[in-house]
Amino acid sequence: KINLAYHRSQVGATRTVLNEGFDAPSGCYVGRTQDDAPEIDANVLFVSERELHPGDFASVKIIDATDEGLVGQAVWEERR
């Protein structure tokens, strides 16, 4: 319940996420925010219009939450 409440509080926020790789079964990238510890905290699953590589950072708008983690969409600023 505590994890789900925290994750729900993140919906609507844009977080910087470190991409750890691509999860083919889900069709999503998998990453962590600066607040997430490996093997302890939940992952952020997100989609991106741009190809990412492990180690890349992305700004991710959190659009959903589960007790297991966050779900988001990478957002990219347009350059003028």
Protein backbone atom coordinates (compact mmCIF):
# COMPACT_ATOMS: atom_id res chain seq x y z
CA LYS A 1 0.00 0.00 0.00
CA ILE A 2 2.84 2.39 0.79
CA ASN A 3 4.54 1.81 -2.57
CA LEU A 4 1.30 2.26 -4.48
CA ALA A 5 0.49 5.50 -2.62
CA TYR A 6 3.95 6.88 -3.38
CA HIS A 7 3.81 5.82 -7.02
CA ARG A 8 0.37 7.39 -7.45
CA SER A 9 1.73 10.65 -6.03
CA GLN A 10 4.18 10.76 -8.94
CA VAL A 11 1.52 10.64 -11.69
CA GLY A 12 1.66 13.88 -13.68
CA ALA A 13 5.24 14.64 -12.69
CA THR A 14 8.11 14.74 -15.17
CA ARG A 15 11.17 12.92 -13.89
CA THR A 16 14.69 12.42 -15.23
CA VAL A 17 15.14 8.70 -15.87
CA LEU A 18 18.33 6.76 -16.51
CA ASN A 19 17.61 4.22 -19.24
CA GLU A 20 18.84 0.75 -18.27
CA GLY A 21 17.70 -0.99 -21.44
CA PHE A 22 14.78 -2.08 -23.58
CA ASP A 23 12.29 -4.73 -22.43
CA ALA A 24 11.14 -6.45 -25.63
CA PRO A 25 8.13 -8.29 -24.11
CA SER A 26 6.58 -5.04 -22.86
CA GLY A 27 7.86 -2.91 -25.76
CA CYS A 28 9.12 -0.35 -23.25
CA TYR A 29 12.38 1.06 -22.02
CA VAL A 30 13.22 0.32 -18.40
CA GLY A 31 14.92 2.84 -16.17
CA ARG A 32 15.26 4.44 -12.76
CA THR A 33 14.97 7.90 -11.32
CA GLN A 34 17.69 9.32 -9.07
CA ASP A 35 15.53 8.26 -6.11
CA ASP A 36 15.46 4.57 -7.07
CA ALA A 37 18.00 2.06 -5.84
CA PRO A 38 18.75 -1.01 -8.01
CA GLU A 39 17.14 -4.26 -6.82
CA ILE A 40 15.28 -2.39 -4.05
CA ASP A 41 12.98 0.15 -5.68
CA ALA A 42 10.60 -0.17 -8.58
CA ASN A 43 11.41 0.48 -12.23
CA VAL A 44 10.06 3.11 -14.57
CA LEU A 45 8.67 1.60 -17.78
CA PHE A 46 8.39 4.17 -20.55
CA VAL A 47 8.04 4.63 -24.28
CA SER A 48 10.02 7.04 -26.41
CA GLU A 49 9.73 8.38 -29.95
CA ARG A 50 13.52 8.48 -30.09
CA GLU A 51 15.83 5.52 -29.83
CA LEU A 52 17.65 5.33 -26.52
CA HIS A 53 20.69 3.38 -25.43
CA PRO A 54 21.55 2.10 -21.95
CA GLY A 55 23.03 4.99 -19.98
CA ASP A 56 21.00 7.67 -21.78
CA PHE A 57 18.86 10.04 -19.73
CA ALA A 58 15.32 11.00 -20.71
CA SER A 59 12.70 13.33 -19.28
CA VAL A 60 9.72 11.09 -18.65
CA LYS A 61 6.20 12.24 -17.85
CA ILE A 62 4.65 9.75 -15.44
CA ILE A 63 1.23 8.75 -16.75
CA ASP A 64 0.34 5.73 -14.60
CA ALA A 65 1.39 3.93 -11.45
CA THR A 66 1.18 0.40 -10.08
CA ASP A 67 2.44 -1.12 -6.87
CA GLU A 68 5.38 -2.41 -8.92
CA GLY A 69 6.47 0.89 -10.49
CA LEU A 70 5.82 3.86 -12.72
CA VAL A 71 4.72 4.06 -16.35
CA GLY A 72 5.60 7.01 -18.52
CA GLN A 73 6.20 8.69 -21.85
CA ALA A 74 9.48 10.37 -22.76
CA VAL A 75 9.01 14.06 -23.56
CA TRP A 76 11.37 15.93 -25.84
CA GLU A 77 11.74 19.68 -26.16
CA GLU A 78 11.61 20.98 -29.69
CA ARG A 79 14.63 23.03 -30.62
CA ARG A 80 14.01 26.30 -32.36
